[in-house]
Amino acid sequence: MAPEVRREKEEAEDAKEVMDDPEVTVKLYAENLRTARSQLKAAARTMEKAKRDEERAAMKAERAARLAGLKQNSSILGSALESMNKQAAEAQARTDAAKHKAELLGPTKVEDNAIVKQALASVSGASPTLSSISERLATLKKQS
């Protein structure tokens, strides 16, 4: 009976090893699965954060582009306004020059000139009209 008991004992130990191997394997796979699940959750959180950061960066870039466009548009507006003001000033200068030219080239009456009036009055013997007090005094002194 001793050999049968020994053999039964060895078979029991072999059966126990056969049963323990899958249990250890299952425990190892379960641990690996838990580790993988936590790593996947961490990766998902990282991806979500990266997506939010990307959206924020895109919005920031769009805002910066709009601001750059506004600055560019305002500088273009400033240039256009400056050009228009320059053209207006040039047109005003041409208008003033044309007015002066028209006055100079227009018909003039010699009699309207103050110097000519005084000369004609002195030649005709009429007393000239004096405009200032000093001229009147000088004329009175000459007559006395």
Protein backbone atom coordinates (compact mmCIF):
# COMPACT_ATOMS: atom_id res chain seq x y z
CA MET A 1 0.00 0.00 0.00
CA ALA A 2 2.81 2.33 0.43
CA PRO A 3 3.55 2.57 -3.26
CA GLU A 4 -0.09 3.30 -4.03
CA VAL A 5 -0.29 5.96 -1.36
CA ARG A 6 2.91 7.55 -2.61
CA ARG A 7 1.58 7.47 -6.15
CA GLU A 8 -1.76 8.94 -5.07
CA LYS A 9 0.11 11.58 -3.11
CA GLU A 10 2.22 12.47 -6.18
CA GLU A 11 -0.89 12.59 -8.35
CA ALA A 12 -2.57 14.88 -5.83
CA GLU A 13 0.45 17.17 -5.81
CA ASP A 14 0.53 17.15 -9.63
CA ALA A 15 -3.19 17.94 -9.71
CA LYS A 16 -2.65 20.72 -7.22
CA GLU A 17 0.11 22.18 -9.41
CA VAL A 18 -2.11 21.88 -12.47
CA MET A 19 -4.88 23.71 -10.59
CA ASP A 20 -2.54 26.32 -9.11
CA ASP A 21 -0.96 27.24 -12.49
CA PRO A 22 -4.20 28.52 -14.06
CA GLU A 23 -5.10 30.34 -10.85
CA VAL A 24 -1.74 32.14 -10.82
CA THR A 25 -2.13 32.86 -14.52
CA VAL A 26 -5.64 34.23 -14.01
CA LYS A 27 -4.44 36.42 -11.14
CA LEU A 28 -1.55 37.67 -13.31
CA TYR A 29 -3.92 38.46 -16.22
CA ALA A 30 -6.35 40.21 -13.86
CA GLU A 31 -3.56 42.39 -12.51
CA ASN A 32 -2.35 43.16 -16.04
CA LEU A 33 -5.93 44.02 -17.03
CA ARG A 34 -6.32 46.43 -14.08
CA THR A 35 -3.01 48.09 -14.94
CA ALA A 36 -3.97 48.39 -18.60
CA ARG A 37 -7.39 49.83 -17.69
CA SER A 38 -5.85 52.52 -15.46
CA GLN A 39 -3.29 53.33 -18.17
CA LEU A 40 -6.08 53.63 -20.75
CA LYS A 41 -8.05 55.96 -18.47
CA ALA A 42 -4.94 58.12 -17.92
CA ALA A 43 -4.32 58.20 -21.69
CA ALA A 44 -7.95 59.20 -22.32
CA ARG A 45 -7.65 62.06 -19.80
CA THR A 46 -4.41 63.16 -21.45
CA MET A 47 -6.07 63.10 -24.87
CA GLU A 48 -9.03 65.16 -23.62
CA LYS A 49 -6.68 67.70 -22.05
CA ALA A 50 -4.66 67.89 -25.27
CA LYS A 51 -7.85 68.41 -27.28
CA ARG A 52 -8.98 71.25 -24.97
CA ASP A 53 -5.51 72.81 -25.18
CA GLU A 54 -5.61 72.55 -28.97
CA GLU A 55 -9.04 74.23 -29.10
CA ARG A 56 -7.84 77.02 -26.80
CA ALA A 57 -4.72 77.50 -28.91
CA ALA A 58 -6.81 77.64 -32.09
CA MET A 59 -9.13 80.23 -30.54
CA LYS A 60 -6.14 82.25 -29.36
CA ALA A 61 -4.58 82.12 -32.84
CA GLU A 62 -7.87 83.17 -34.43
CA ARG A 63 -8.22 86.06 -31.98
CA ALA A 64 -4.63 87.12 -32.69
CA ALA A 65 -5.31 86.94 -36.42
CA ARG A 66 -8.43 89.09 -36.02
CA LEU A 67 -6.48 91.61 -33.95
CA ALA A 68 -3.72 91.66 -36.54
CA GLY A 69 -6.36 92.22 -39.22
CA LEU A 70 -7.84 95.06 -37.21
CA LYS A 71 -4.44 96.61 -36.73
CA GLN A 72 -3.69 96.19 -40.42
CA ASN A 73 -7.09 97.59 -41.37
CA SER A 74 -6.63 100.55 -39.05
CA SER A 75 -3.20 101.25 -40.51
CA ILE A 76 -4.67 100.99 -44.00
CA LEU A 77 -7.49 103.30 -42.89
CA GLY A 78 -4.93 105.70 -41.45
CA SER A 79 -3.00 105.66 -44.73
CA ALA A 80 -6.18 106.21 -46.73
CA LEU A 81 -7.25 109.05 -44.44
CA GLU A 82 -3.81 110.63 -44.67
CA SER A 83 -3.93 110.39 -48.47
CA MET A 84 -7.40 111.93 -48.59
CA ASN A 85 -6.34 114.80 -46.31
CA LYS A 86 -3.31 115.42 -48.49
CA GLN A 87 -5.43 115.48 -51.63
CA ALA A 88 -7.91 117.86 -49.95
CA ALA A 89 -5.09 120.21 -48.94
CA GLU A 90 -3.70 120.15 -52.48
CA ALA A 91 -7.17 120.87 -53.92
CA GLN A 92 -7.62 123.77 -51.49
CA ALA A 93 -4.24 125.19 -52.50
CA ARG A 94 -5.21 124.96 -56.19
CA THR A 95 -8.54 126.66 -55.40
CA ASP A 96 -6.78 129.52 -53.59
CA ALA A 97 -4.33 129.91 -56.46
CA ALA A 98 -7.16 130.01 -59.00
CA LYS A 99 -9.01 132.67 -56.96
CA HIS A 100 -5.90 134.86 -56.76
CA LYS A 101 -5.27 134.38 -60.46
CA ALA A 102 -8.87 135.36 -61.26
CA GLU A 103 -8.55 138.48 -59.11
CA LEU A 104 -5.29 139.46 -60.74
CA LEU A 105 -6.43 138.77 -64.27
CA GLY A 106 -9.92 140.17 -63.84
CA PRO A 107 -10.96 143.62 -65.04
CA THR A 108 -9.73 146.45 -62.85
CA LYS A 109 -10.77 150.06 -62.78
CA VAL A 110 -7.95 152.45 -62.38
CA GLU A 111 -10.25 154.83 -60.54
CA ASP A 112 -10.76 152.30 -57.75
CA ASN A 113 -7.07 152.47 -56.80
CA ALA A 114 -6.54 154.79 -53.77
CA ILE A 115 -3.25 156.19 -55.09
CA VAL A 116 -4.79 156.96 -58.47
CA LYS A 117 -7.74 158.68 -56.72
CA GLN A 118 -5.41 160.96 -54.76
CA ALA A 119 -3.42 161.81 -57.87
CA LEU A 120 -6.56 162.61 -59.82
CA ALA A 121 -7.89 164.72 -56.96
CA SER A 122 -4.69 166.70 -56.65
CA VAL A 123 -4.57 167.29 -60.40
CA SER A 124 -8.20 168.32 -60.58
CA GLY A 125 -7.78 170.68 -57.65
CA ALA A 126 -10.24 168.94 -55.37
CA SER A 127 -9.07 168.15 -51.92
CA PRO A 128 -8.13 164.56 -51.52
CA THR A 129 -9.88 162.50 -48.93
CA LEU A 130 -7.50 161.79 -46.16
CA SER A 131 -7.84 158.73 -44.14
CA SER A 132 -5.62 159.35 -41.14
CA ILE A 133 -5.37 162.23 -38.67
CA SER A 134 -1.68 162.70 -39.33
CA GLU A 135 -2.39 163.21 -43.05
CA ARG A 136 -5.07 165.79 -42.24
CA LEU A 137 -2.73 167.71 -39.92
CA ALA A 138 0.00 167.68 -42.54
CA THR A 139 -2.43 169.06 -45.13
CA LEU A 140 -3.59 171.81 -42.75
CA LYS A 141 -0.02 172.84 -42.01
CA LYS A 142 0.75 173.09 -45.69
CA GLN A 143 -2.24 175.31 -46.27
CA SER A 144 -1.35 177.76 -43.51
